[in-house]
Amino acid sequence: MLGALRERLLELPRKSFALPLQKVLDVQDLVAVAAKPNWEYLRGKLSEIDEEVSAAALEALPTEEAAVLQAEVDRTAARHHARVDASSLEHAVLRLRRQRAREILRLPRVSLV
């Protein structure tokens, strides 16, 4: 999965994904030389990568796609507005925006969680 993510990140604007790409390369190097990986450390690093990729995906979306995504998320949030407290809804909306941005950009997840 790291290899697939690395390849996809290389196809996208480097400016947006420079830090996550470097972390992917670092983890790949670490795994390549580790006789026995520290799975807890690796899980943490993979989760970090996923979080950074998700955040960068929002920034990397072309303006038109970002507007379509925002409209989709706004419609979804409006349906749940009366049933969910504002803080929870805000958190869910951010997760949805990040997930949909990843899907639009075809960015695979790598975390083991």
PDB file of N, CA and C in Angstrom:
ATOM      1  N   MET A   1       0.818  -1.199   0.000  1.00  0.00           N
ATOM      2  CA  MET A   1       0.000   0.000   0.000  1.00  0.00           C
ATOM      3  C   MET A   1       0.866   1.268   0.000  1.00  0.00           C
ATOM      4  N   LEU A   2       1.993   1.206   0.697  1.00  0.00           N
ATOM      5  CA  LEU A   2       2.891   2.371   0.683  1.00  0.00           C
ATOM      6  C   LEU A   2       3.372   2.674  -0.725  1.00  0.00           C
ATOM      7  N   GLY A   3       3.693   1.624  -1.466  1.00  0.00           N
ATOM      8  CA  GLY A   3       4.149   1.805  -2.845  1.00  0.00           C
ATOM      9  C   GLY A   3       3.067   2.419  -3.718  1.00  0.00           C
ATOM     10  N   ALA A   4       1.844   1.956  -3.556  1.00  0.00           N
ATOM     11  CA  ALA A   4       0.727   2.503  -4.331  1.00  0.00           C
ATOM     12  C   ALA A   4       0.493   3.967  -3.973  1.00  0.00           C
ATOM     13  N   LEU A   5       0.558   4.284  -2.691  1.00  0.00           N
ATOM     14  CA  LEU A   5       0.389   5.674  -2.268  1.00  0.00           C
ATOM     15  C   LEU A   5       1.526   6.529  -2.801  1.00  0.00           C
ATOM     16  N   ARG A   6       2.756   6.038  -2.700  1.00  0.00           N
ATOM     17  CA  ARG A   6       3.906   6.800  -3.216  1.00  0.00           C
ATOM     18  C   ARG A   6       3.727   7.113  -4.699  1.00  0.00           C
ATOM     19  N   GLU A   7       3.343   6.112  -5.473  1.00  0.00           N
ATOM     20  CA  GLU A   7       3.173   6.315  -6.922  1.00  0.00           C
ATOM     21  C   GLU A   7       2.094   7.351  -7.204  1.00  0.00           C
ATOM     22  N   ARG A   8       0.995   7.285  -6.466  1.00  0.00           N
ATOM     23  CA  ARG A   8      -0.089   8.250  -6.687  1.00  0.00           C
ATOM     24  C   ARG A   8       0.341   9.650  -6.266  1.00  0.00           C
ATOM     25  N   LEU A   9       1.064   9.768  -5.160  1.00  0.00           N
ATOM     26  CA  LEU A   9       1.537  11.084  -4.718  1.00  0.00           C
ATOM     27  C   LEU A   9       2.486  11.702  -5.741  1.00  0.00           C
ATOM     28  N   LEU A  10       3.278  10.873  -6.387  1.00  0.00           N
ATOM     29  CA  LEU A  10       4.204  11.379  -7.402  1.00  0.00           C
ATOM     30  C   LEU A  10       3.468  11.924  -8.625  1.00  0.00           C
ATOM     31  N   GLU A  11       2.250  11.474  -8.844  1.00  0.00           N
ATOM     32  CA  GLU A  11       1.454  11.943  -9.978  1.00  0.00           C
ATOM     33  C   GLU A  11       0.757  13.269  -9.690  1.00  0.00           C
ATOM     34  N   LEU A  12       0.667  13.635  -8.444  1.00  0.00           N
ATOM     35  CA  LEU A  12      -0.049  14.843  -8.026  1.00  0.00           C
ATOM     36  C   LEU A  12       0.935  15.978  -7.775  1.00  0.00           C
ATOM     37  N   PRO A  13       0.433  17.220  -7.612  1.00  0.00           N
ATOM     38  CA  PRO A  13       1.328  18.364  -7.374  1.00  0.00           C
ATOM     39  C   PRO A  13       2.238  18.146  -6.165  1.00  0.00           C
ATOM     40  N   ARG A  14       3.522  18.185  -6.400  1.00  0.00           N
ATOM     41  CA  ARG A  14       4.496  17.920  -5.326  1.00  0.00           C
ATOM     42  C   ARG A  14       4.380  18.899  -4.175  1.00  0.00           C
ATOM     43  N   LYS A  15       4.043  20.137  -4.485  1.00  0.00           N
ATOM     44  CA  LYS A  15       3.975  21.161  -3.442  1.00  0.00           C
ATOM     45  C   LYS A  15       2.988  20.749  -2.350  1.00  0.00           C
ATOM     46  N   SER A  16       1.838  20.232  -2.734  1.00  0.00           N
ATOM     47  CA  SER A  16       0.812  19.861  -1.766  1.00  0.00           C
ATOM     48  C   SER A  16       1.193  18.642  -0.940  1.00  0.00           C
ATOM     49  N   PHE A  17       1.927  17.724  -1.549  1.00  0.00           N
ATOM     50  CA  PHE A  17       2.171  16.433  -0.911  1.00  0.00           C
ATOM     51  C   PHE A  17       3.638  16.177  -0.570  1.00  0.00           C
ATOM     52  N   ALA A  18       4.451  17.219  -0.522  1.00  0.00           N
ATOM     53  CA  ALA A  18       5.886  17.044  -0.276  1.00  0.00           C
ATOM     54  C   ALA A  18       6.170  16.362   1.064  1.00  0.00           C
ATOM     55  N   LEU A  19       5.554  16.834   2.131  1.00  0.00           N
ATOM     56  CA  LEU A  19       5.818  16.261   3.448  1.00  0.00           C
ATOM     57  C   LEU A  19       5.304  14.821   3.562  1.00  0.00           C
ATOM     58  N   PRO A  20       4.047  14.541   3.173  1.00  0.00           N
ATOM     59  CA  PRO A  20       3.613  13.143   3.252  1.00  0.00           C
ATOM     60  C   PRO A  20       4.452  12.221   2.363  1.00  0.00           C
ATOM     61  N   LEU A  21       4.851  12.708   1.197  1.00  0.00           N
ATOM     62  CA  LEU A  21       5.673  11.882   0.307  1.00  0.00           C
ATOM     63  C   LEU A  21       7.013  11.557   0.965  1.00  0.00           C
ATOM     64  N   GLN A  22       7.624  12.532   1.605  1.00  0.00           N
ATOM     65  CA  GLN A  22       8.890  12.281   2.293  1.00  0.00           C
ATOM     66  C   GLN A  22       8.712  11.260   3.405  1.00  0.00           C
ATOM     67  N   LYS A  23       7.614  11.357   4.141  1.00  0.00           N
ATOM     68  CA  LYS A  23       7.356  10.389   5.216  1.00  0.00           C
ATOM     69  C   LYS A  23       7.129   8.989   4.653  1.00  0.00           C
ATOM     70  N   VAL A  24       6.447   8.888   3.522  1.00  0.00           N
ATOM     71  CA  VAL A  24       6.254   7.580   2.879  1.00  0.00           C
ATOM     72  C   VAL A  24       7.601   6.984   2.521  1.00  0.00           C
ATOM     73  N   LEU A  25       8.461   7.788   1.914  1.00  0.00           N
ATOM     74  CA  LEU A  25       9.796   7.306   1.529  1.00  0.00           C
ATOM     75  C   LEU A  25      10.601   6.884   2.754  1.00  0.00           C
ATOM     76  N   ASP A  26      10.526   7.662   3.829  1.00  0.00           N
ATOM     77  CA  ASP A  26      11.244   7.318   5.063  1.00  0.00           C
ATOM     78  C   ASP A  26      10.763   5.988   5.642  1.00  0.00           C
ATOM     79  N   VAL A  27       9.443   5.796   5.680  1.00  0.00           N
ATOM     80  CA  VAL A  27       8.899   4.550   6.226  1.00  0.00           C
ATOM     81  C   VAL A  27       9.259   3.374   5.326  1.00  0.00           C
ATOM     82  N   GLN A  28       9.224   3.571   4.021  1.00  0.00           N
ATOM     83  CA  GLN A  28       9.621   2.494   3.116  1.00  0.00           C
ATOM     84  C   GLN A  28      11.076   2.113   3.346  1.00  0.00           C
ATOM     85  N   ASP A  29      11.940   3.102   3.511  1.00  0.00           N
ATOM     86  CA  ASP A  29      13.354   2.818   3.795  1.00  0.00           C
ATOM     87  C   ASP A  29      13.507   2.064   5.111  1.00  0.00           C
ATOM     88  N   LEU A  30      12.772   2.493   6.122  1.00  0.00           N
ATOM     89  CA  LEU A  30      12.830   1.849   7.432  1.00  0.00           C
ATOM     90  C   LEU A  30      12.395   0.390   7.348  1.00  0.00           C
ATOM     91  N   VAL A  31      11.290   0.144   6.674  1.00  0.00           N
ATOM     92  CA  VAL A  31      10.770  -1.217   6.556  1.00  0.00           C
ATOM     93  C   VAL A  31      11.734  -2.090   5.749  1.00  0.00           C
ATOM     94  N   ALA A  32      12.374  -1.503   4.752  1.00  0.00           N
ATOM     95  CA  ALA A  32      13.287  -2.262   3.899  1.00  0.00           C
ATOM     96  C   ALA A  32      14.509  -2.776   4.657  1.00  0.00           C
ATOM     97  N   VAL A  33      14.960  -2.043   5.662  1.00  0.00           N
ATOM     98  CA  VAL A  33      16.177  -2.446   6.374  1.00  0.00           C
ATOM     99  C   VAL A  33      15.905  -3.101   7.730  1.00  0.00           C
ATOM    100  N   ALA A  34      14.660  -3.066   8.182  1.00  0.00           N
ATOM    101  CA  ALA A  34      14.338  -3.618   9.505  1.00  0.00           C
ATOM    102  C   ALA A  34      14.222  -5.137   9.432  1.00  0.00           C
ATOM    103  N   ALA A  35      14.990  -5.798  10.264  1.00  0.00           N
ATOM    104  CA  ALA A  35      14.886  -7.257  10.346  1.00  0.00           C
ATOM    105  C   ALA A  35      13.542  -7.639  10.968  1.00  0.00           C
ATOM    106  N   LYS A  36      13.170  -6.900  12.006  1.00  0.00           N
ATOM    107  CA  LYS A  36      11.886  -7.123  12.665  1.00  0.00           C
ATOM    108  C   LYS A  36      11.297  -5.747  12.973  1.00  0.00           C
ATOM    109  N   PRO A  37      10.275  -5.320  12.202  1.00  0.00           N
ATOM    110  CA  PRO A  37       9.725  -3.974  12.414  1.00  0.00           C
ATOM    111  C   PRO A  37       9.107  -3.801  13.798  1.00  0.00           C
ATOM    112  N   ASN A  38       9.215  -2.613  14.322  1.00  0.00           N
ATOM    113  CA  ASN A  38       8.515  -2.227  15.545  1.00  0.00           C
ATOM    114  C   ASN A  38       7.100  -1.843  15.105  1.00  0.00           C
ATOM    115  N   TRP A  39       6.155  -2.756  15.264  1.00  0.00           N
ATOM    116  CA  TRP A  39       4.816  -2.574  14.724  1.00  0.00           C
ATOM    117  C   TRP A  39       4.092  -1.387  15.344  1.00  0.00           C
ATOM    118  N   GLU A  40       4.301  -1.130  16.600  1.00  0.00           N
ATOM    119  CA  GLU A  40       3.631   0.006  17.245  1.00  0.00           C
ATOM    120  C   GLU A  40       4.118   1.323  16.626  1.00  0.00           C
ATOM    121  N   TYR A  41       5.424   1.442  16.459  1.00  0.00           N
ATOM    122  CA  TYR A  41       6.000   2.636  15.839  1.00  0.00           C
ATOM    123  C   TYR A  41       5.503   2.772  14.402  1.00  0.00           C
ATOM    124  N   LEU A  42       5.496   1.668  13.676  1.00  0.00           N
ATOM    125  CA  LEU A  42       5.060   1.659  12.281  1.00  0.00           C
ATOM    126  C   LEU A  42       3.588   2.075  12.170  1.00  0.00           C
ATOM    127  N   ARG A  43       2.735   1.554  13.050  1.00  0.00           N
ATOM    128  CA  ARG A  43       1.323   1.945  13.055  1.00  0.00           C
ATOM    129  C   ARG A  43       1.185   3.453  13.243  1.00  0.00           C
ATOM    130  N   GLY A  44       1.954   3.992  14.166  1.00  0.00           N
ATOM    131  CA  GLY A  44       1.906   5.434  14.414  1.00  0.00           C
ATOM    132  C   GLY A  44       2.326   6.237  13.201  1.00  0.00           C
ATOM    133  N   LYS A  45       3.396   5.813  12.559  1.00  0.00           N
ATOM    134  CA  LYS A  45       3.890   6.523  11.371  1.00  0.00           C
ATOM    135  C   LYS A  45       2.884   6.436  10.223  1.00  0.00           C
ATOM    136  N   LEU A  46       2.274   5.265  10.043  1.00  0.00           N
ATOM    137  CA  LEU A  46       1.283   5.114   8.979  1.00  0.00           C
ATOM    138  C   LEU A  46       0.045   5.965   9.249  1.00  0.00           C
ATOM    139  N   SER A  47      -0.356   6.064  10.502  1.00  0.00           N
ATOM    140  CA  SER A  47      -1.486   6.927  10.856  1.00  0.00           C
ATOM    141  C   SER A  47      -1.152   8.392  10.590  1.00  0.00           C
ATOM    142  N   GLU A  48       0.082   8.795  10.924  1.00  0.00           N
ATOM    143  CA  GLU A  48       0.532  10.163  10.631  1.00  0.00           C
ATOM    144  C   GLU A  48       0.462  10.446   9.143  1.00  0.00           C
ATOM    145  N   ILE A  49       0.934   9.500   8.351  1.00  0.00           N
ATOM    146  CA  ILE A  49       0.922   9.669   6.898  1.00  0.00           C
ATOM    147  C   ILE A  49      -0.514   9.833   6.410  1.00  0.00           C
ATOM    148  N   ASP A  50      -1.408   8.979   6.878  1.00  0.00           N
ATOM    149  CA  ASP A  50      -2.805   9.084   6.445  1.00  0.00           C
ATOM    150  C   ASP A  50      -3.411  10.434   6.812  1.00  0.00           C
ATOM    151  N   GLU A  51      -3.131  10.916   8.012  1.00  0.00           N
ATOM    152  CA  GLU A  51      -3.664  12.215   8.430  1.00  0.00           C
ATOM    153  C   GLU A  51      -3.123  13.338   7.543  1.00  0.00           C
ATOM    154  N   GLU A  52      -1.827  13.317   7.268  1.00  0.00           N
ATOM    155  CA  GLU A  52      -1.230  14.371   6.454  1.00  0.00           C
ATOM    156  C   GLU A  52      -1.713  14.311   5.009  1.00  0.00           C
ATOM    157  N   VAL A  53      -1.858  13.103   4.475  1.00  0.00           N
ATOM    158  CA  VAL A  53      -2.359  12.952   3.112  1.00  0.00           C
ATOM    159  C   VAL A  53      -3.794  13.466   3.038  1.00  0.00           C
ATOM    160  N   SER A  54      -4.606  13.142   4.026  1.00  0.00           N
ATOM    161  CA  SER A  54      -6.002  13.602   4.037  1.00  0.00           C
ATOM    162  C   SER A  54      -6.081  15.129   4.068  1.00  0.00           C
ATOM    163  N   ALA A  55      -5.275  15.750   4.899  1.00  0.00           N
ATOM    164  CA  ALA A  55      -5.274  17.215   4.981  1.00  0.00           C
ATOM    165  C   ALA A  55      -4.783  17.833   3.676  1.00  0.00           C
ATOM    166  N   ALA A  56      -3.743  17.266   3.099  1.00  0.00           N
ATOM    167  CA  ALA A  56      -3.196  17.790   1.847  1.00  0.00           C
ATOM    168  C   ALA A  56      -4.159  17.573   0.682  1.00  0.00           C
ATOM    169  N   ALA A  57      -4.941  16.508   0.742  1.00  0.00           N
ATOM    170  CA  ALA A  57      -5.892  16.224  -0.339  1.00  0.00           C
ATOM    171  C   ALA A  57      -6.908  17.349  -0.478  1.00  0.00           C
ATOM    172  N   LEU A  58      -7.349  17.889   0.646  1.00  0.00           N
ATOM    173  CA  LEU A  58      -8.301  19.010   0.592  1.00  0.00           C
ATOM    174  C   LEU A  58      -7.688  20.204  -0.119  1.00  0.00           C
ATOM    175  N   GLU A  59      -6.437  20.478   0.178  1.00  0.00           N
ATOM    176  CA  GLU A  59      -5.748  21.626  -0.424  1.00  0.00           C
ATOM    177  C   GLU A  59      -5.433  21.396  -1.892  1.00  0.00           C
ATOM    178  N   ALA A  60      -5.244  20.146  -2.282  1.00  0.00           N
ATOM    179  CA  ALA A  60      -4.814  19.831  -3.643  1.00  0.00           C
ATOM    180  C   ALA A  60      -5.959  19.721  -4.642  1.00  0.00           C
ATOM    181  N   LEU A  61      -7.190  19.668  -4.151  1.00  0.00           N
ATOM    182  CA  LEU A  61      -8.317  19.556  -5.074  1.00  0.00           C
ATOM    183  C   LEU A  61      -8.405  20.792  -5.960  1.00  0.00           C
ATOM    184  N   PRO A  62      -8.634  20.582  -7.241  1.00  0.00           N
ATOM    185  CA  PRO A  62      -8.879  21.736  -8.117  1.00  0.00           C
ATOM    186  C   PRO A  62     -10.108  22.515  -7.621  1.00  0.00           C
ATOM    187  N   THR A  63     -10.141  23.792  -7.889  1.00  0.00           N
ATOM    188  CA  THR A  63     -11.173  24.686  -7.373  1.00  0.00           C
ATOM    189  C   THR A  63     -12.581  24.186  -7.683  1.00  0.00           C
ATOM    190  N   GLU A  64     -12.811  23.747  -8.911  1.00  0.00           N
ATOM    191  CA  GLU A  64     -14.150  23.294  -9.285  1.00  0.00           C
ATOM    192  C   GLU A  64     -14.556  22.052  -8.506  1.00  0.00           C
ATOM    193  N   GLU A  65     -13.636  21.105  -8.382  1.00  0.00           N
ATOM    194  CA  GLU A  65     -13.936  19.880  -7.639  1.00  0.00           C
ATOM    195  C   GLU A  65     -14.131  20.182  -6.155  1.00  0.00           C
ATOM    196  N   ALA A  66     -13.362  21.107  -5.625  1.00  0.00           N
ATOM    197  CA  ALA A  66     -13.513  21.491  -4.222  1.00  0.00           C
ATOM    198  C   ALA A  66     -14.892  22.104  -3.986  1.00  0.00           C
ATOM    199  N   ALA A  67     -15.377  22.897  -4.938  1.00  0.00           N
ATOM    200  CA  ALA A  67     -16.699  23.513  -4.807  1.00  0.00           C
ATOM    201  C   ALA A  67     -17.805  22.457  -4.857  1.00  0.00           C
ATOM    202  N   VAL A  68     -17.678  21.488  -5.759  1.00  0.00           N
ATOM    203  CA  VAL A  68     -18.658  20.401  -5.852  1.00  0.00           C
ATOM    204  C   VAL A  68     -18.654  19.592  -4.558  1.00  0.00           C
ATOM    205  N   LEU A  69     -17.461  19.288  -4.061  1.00  0.00           N
ATOM    206  CA  LEU A  69     -17.343  18.536  -2.809  1.00  0.00           C
ATOM    207  C   LEU A  69     -17.962  19.318  -1.653  1.00  0.00           C
ATOM    208  N   GLN A  70     -17.689  20.607  -1.578  1.00  0.00           N
ATOM    209  CA  GLN A  70     -18.247  21.417  -0.485  1.00  0.00           C
ATOM    210  C   GLN A  70     -19.775  21.429  -0.547  1.00  0.00           C
ATOM    211  N   ALA A  71     -20.333  21.514  -1.738  1.00  0.00           N
ATOM    212  CA  ALA A  71     -21.791  21.494  -1.884  1.00  0.00           C
ATOM    213  C   ALA A  71     -22.352  20.155  -1.428  1.00  0.00           C
ATOM    214  N   GLU A  72     -21.684  19.064  -1.780  1.00  0.00           N
ATOM    215  CA  GLU A  72     -22.113  17.725  -1.358  1.00  0.00           C
ATOM    216  C   GLU A  72     -22.083  17.607   0.163  1.00  0.00           C
ATOM    217  N   VAL A  73     -21.007  18.068   0.766  1.00  0.00           N
ATOM    218  CA  VAL A  73     -20.857  17.990   2.216  1.00  0.00           C
ATOM    219  C   VAL A  73     -21.889  18.889   2.909  1.00  0.00           C
ATOM    220  N   ASP A  74     -22.134  20.065   2.353  1.00  0.00           N
ATOM    221  CA  ASP A  74     -23.139  20.965   2.934  1.00  0.00           C
ATOM    222  C   ASP A  74     -24.527  20.329   2.922  1.00  0.00           C
ATOM    223  N   ARG A  75     -24.876  19.654   1.820  1.00  0.00           N
ATOM    224  CA  ARG A  75     -26.182  18.978   1.751  1.00  0.00           C
ATOM    225  C   ARG A  75     -26.273  17.869   2.797  1.00  0.00           C
ATOM    226  N   THR A  76     -25.203  17.115   2.926  1.00  0.00           N
ATOM    227  CA  THR A  76     -25.177  16.039   3.922  1.00  0.00           C
ATOM    228  C   THR A  76     -25.292  16.601   5.326  1.00  0.00           C
ATOM    229  N   ALA A  77     -24.559  17.654   5.618  1.00  0.00           N
ATOM    230  CA  ALA A  77     -24.596  18.269   6.949  1.00  0.00           C
ATOM    231  C   ALA A  77     -25.982  18.826   7.249  1.00  0.00           C
ATOM    232  N   ALA A  78     -26.623  19.409   6.255  1.00  0.00           N
ATOM    233  CA  ALA A  78     -27.956  19.986   6.467  1.00  0.00           C
ATOM    234  C   ALA A  78     -28.971  18.912   6.873  1.00  0.00           C
ATOM    235  N   ARG A  79     -28.826  17.711   6.309  1.00  0.00           N
ATOM    236  CA  ARG A  79     -29.743  16.624   6.652  1.00  0.00           C
ATOM    237  C   ARG A  79     -29.591  16.188   8.109  1.00  0.00           C
ATOM    238  N   HIS A  80     -28.419  16.368   8.682  1.00  0.00           N
ATOM    239  CA  HIS A  80     -28.157  15.897  10.044  1.00  0.00           C
ATOM    240  C   HIS A  80     -28.106  17.024  11.068  1.00  0.00           C
ATOM    241  N   HIS A  81     -28.283  18.244  10.628  1.00  0.00           N
ATOM    242  CA  HIS A  81     -28.119  19.420  11.484  1.00  0.00           C
ATOM    243  C   HIS A  81     -28.962  19.359  12.760  1.00  0.00           C
ATOM    244  N   ALA A  82     -30.199  18.971  12.648  1.00  0.00           N
ATOM    245  CA  ALA A  82     -31.093  18.992  13.809  1.00  0.00           C
ATOM    246  C   ALA A  82     -30.887  17.791  14.736  1.00  0.00           C
ATOM    247  N   ARG A  83     -30.232  16.755  14.240  1.00  0.00           N
ATOM    248  CA  ARG A  83     -30.091  15.525  15.028  1.00  0.00           C
ATOM    249  C   ARG A  83     -28.759  15.380  15.746  1.00  0.00           C
ATOM    250  N   VAL A  84     -27.791  16.204  15.413  1.00  0.00           N
ATOM    251  CA  VAL A  84     -26.436  16.045  15.951  1.00  0.00           C
ATOM    252  C   VAL A  84     -25.968  17.382  16.522  1.00  0.00           C
ATOM    253  N   ASP A  85     -25.230  17.327  17.637  1.00  0.00           N
ATOM    254  CA  ASP A  85     -24.727  18.583  18.199  1.00  0.00           C
ATOM    255  C   ASP A  85     -23.685  19.196  17.257  1.00  0.00           C
ATOM    256  N   ALA A  86     -23.547  20.496  17.344  1.00  0.00           N
ATOM    257  CA  ALA A  86     -22.727  21.261  16.399  1.00  0.00           C
ATOM    258  C   ALA A  86     -21.284  20.778  16.342  1.00  0.00           C
ATOM    259  N   SER A  87     -20.691  20.495  17.476  1.00  0.00           N
ATOM    260  CA  SER A  87     -19.292  20.060  17.517  1.00  0.00           C
ATOM    261  C   SER A  87     -19.105  18.718  16.815  1.00  0.00           C
ATOM    262  N   SER A  88     -19.993  17.783  17.099  1.00  0.00           N
ATOM    263  CA  SER A  88     -19.910  16.465  16.461  1.00  0.00           C
ATOM    264  C   SER A  88     -20.136  16.566  14.969  1.00  0.00           C
ATOM    265  N   LEU A  89     -21.081  17.405  14.570  1.00  0.00           N
ATOM    266  CA  LEU A  89     -21.365  17.584  13.150  1.00  0.00           C
ATOM    267  C   LEU A  89     -20.169  18.195  12.434  1.00  0.00           C
ATOM    268  N   GLU A  90     -19.551  19.168  13.060  1.00  0.00           N
ATOM    269  CA  GLU A  90     -18.373  19.813  12.460  1.00  0.00           C
ATOM    270  C   GLU A  90     -17.247  18.796  12.256  1.00  0.00           C
ATOM    271  N   HIS A  91     -17.031  17.952  13.250  1.00  0.00           N
ATOM    272  CA  HIS A  91     -15.994  16.921  13.160  1.00  0.00           C
ATOM    273  C   HIS A  91     -16.333  15.917  12.053  1.00  0.00           C
ATOM    274  N   ALA A  92     -17.581  15.509  11.991  1.00  0.00           N
ATOM    275  CA  ALA A  92     -18.016  14.552  10.964  1.00  0.00           C
ATOM    276  C   ALA A  92     -17.904  15.149   9.568  1.00  0.00           C
ATOM    277  N   VAL A  93     -18.227  16.419   9.430  1.00  0.00           N
ATOM    278  CA  VAL A  93     -18.131  17.097   8.134  1.00  0.00           C
ATOM    279  C   VAL A  93     -16.677  17.150   7.670  1.00  0.00           C
ATOM    280  N   LEU A  94     -15.757  17.450   8.559  1.00  0.00           N
ATOM    281  CA  LEU A  94     -14.342  17.476   8.195  1.00  0.00           C
ATOM    282  C   LEU A  94     -13.864  16.092   7.768  1.00  0.00           C
ATOM    283  N   ARG A  95     -14.251  15.062   8.520  1.00  0.00           N
ATOM    284  CA  ARG A  95     -13.874  13.692   8.145  1.00  0.00           C
ATOM    285  C   ARG A  95     -14.426  13.327   6.774  1.00  0.00           C
ATOM    286  N   LEU A  96     -15.688  13.709   6.518  1.00  0.00           N
ATOM    287  CA  LEU A  96     -16.295  13.421   5.221  1.00  0.00           C
ATOM    288  C   LEU A  96     -15.581  14.156   4.100  1.00  0.00           C
ATOM    289  N   ARG A  97     -15.274  15.430   4.302  1.00  0.00           N
ATOM    290  CA  ARG A  97     -14.557  16.204   3.278  1.00  0.00           C
ATOM    291  C   ARG A  97     -13.204  15.571   2.970  1.00  0.00           C
ATOM    292  N   ARG A  98     -12.483  15.188   4.014  1.00  0.00           N
ATOM    293  CA  ARG A  98     -11.171  14.580   3.798  1.00  0.00           C
ATOM    294  C   ARG A  98     -11.291  13.236   3.079  1.00  0.00           C
ATOM    295  N   GLN A  99     -12.251  12.421   3.502  1.00  0.00           N
ATOM    296  CA  GLN A  99     -12.440  11.109   2.874  1.00  0.00           C
ATOM    297  C   GLN A  99     -12.816  11.255   1.403  1.00  0.00           C
ATOM    298  N   ARG A 100     -13.747  12.141   1.121  1.00  0.00           N
ATOM    299  CA  ARG A 100     -14.173  12.335  -0.277  1.00  0.00           C
ATOM    300  C   ARG A 100     -13.040  12.923  -1.119  1.00  0.00           C
ATOM    301  N   ALA A 101     -12.242  13.834  -0.554  1.00  0.00           N
ATOM    302  CA  ALA A 101     -11.101  14.386  -1.295  1.00  0.00           C
ATOM    303  C   ALA A 101     -10.116  13.274  -1.643  1.00  0.00           C
ATOM    304  N   ARG A 102      -9.867  12.380  -0.695  1.00  0.00           N
ATOM    305  CA  ARG A 102      -8.976  11.235  -0.960  1.00  0.00           C
ATOM    306  C   ARG A 102      -9.537  10.366  -2.066  1.00  0.00           C
ATOM    307  N   GLU A 103     -10.843  10.120  -2.027  1.00  0.00           N
ATOM    308  CA  GLU A 103     -11.472   9.295  -3.051  1.00  0.00           C
ATOM    309  C   GLU A 103     -11.367   9.957  -4.422  1.00  0.00           C
ATOM    310  N   ILE A 104     -11.635  11.250  -4.488  1.00  0.00           N
ATOM    311  CA  ILE A 104     -11.561  11.981  -5.753  1.00  0.00           C
ATOM    312  C   ILE A 104     -10.147  11.898  -6.329  1.00  0.00           C
ATOM    313  N   LEU A 105      -9.146  12.049  -5.461  1.00  0.00           N
ATOM    314  CA  LEU A 105      -7.744  12.023  -5.906  1.00  0.00           C
ATOM    315  C   LEU A 105      -7.164  10.607  -5.973  1.00  0.00           C
ATOM    316  N   ARG A 106      -7.985   9.606  -5.623  1.00  0.00           N
ATOM    317  CA  ARG A 106      -7.574   8.196  -5.654  1.00  0.00           C
ATOM    318  C   ARG A 106      -6.322   7.947  -4.803  1.00  0.00           C
ATOM    319  N   LEU A 107      -6.385   8.365  -3.548  1.00  0.00           N
ATOM    320  CA  LEU A 107      -5.276   8.210  -2.610  1.00  0.00           C
ATOM    321  C   LEU A 107      -5.590   7.083  -1.624  1.00  0.00           C
ATOM    322  N   PRO A 108      -4.892   5.960  -1.725  1.00  0.00           N
ATOM    323  CA  PRO A 108      -5.177   4.839  -0.824  1.00  0.00           C
ATOM    324  C   PRO A 108      -4.751   5.131   0.620  1.00  0.00           C
ATOM    325  N   ARG A 109      -5.418   4.491   1.546  1.00  0.00           N
ATOM    326  CA  ARG A 109      -5.045   4.574   2.960  1.00  0.00           C
ATOM    327  C   ARG A 109      -3.950   3.560   3.234  1.00  0.00           C
ATOM    328  N   VAL A 110      -3.100   3.868   4.219  1.00  0.00           N
ATOM    329  CA  VAL A 110      -1.995   2.960   4.541  1.00  0.00           C
ATOM    330  C   VAL A 110      -1.976   2.533   6.007  1.00  0.00           C
ATOM    331  N   SER A 111      -2.779   3.170   6.843  1.00  0.00           N
ATOM    332  CA  SER A 111      -2.702   2.845   8.279  1.00  0.00           C
ATOM    333  C   SER A 111      -3.174   1.424   8.554  1.00  0.00           C
ATOM    334  N   LEU A 112      -2.666   0.842   9.643  1.00  0.00           N
ATOM    335  CA  LEU A 112      -2.981  -0.519  10.033  1.00  0.00           C
ATOM    336  C   LEU A 112      -4.103  -0.577  11.055  1.00  0.00           C
ATOM    337  N   VAL A 113      -4.692   0.571  11.361  1.00  0.00           N
ATOM    338  CA  VAL A 113      -5.728   0.647  12.390  1.00  0.00           C
ATOM    339  C   VAL A 113      -7.064   0.265  11.814  1.00  0.00           C
TER     340      VAL A 113
END
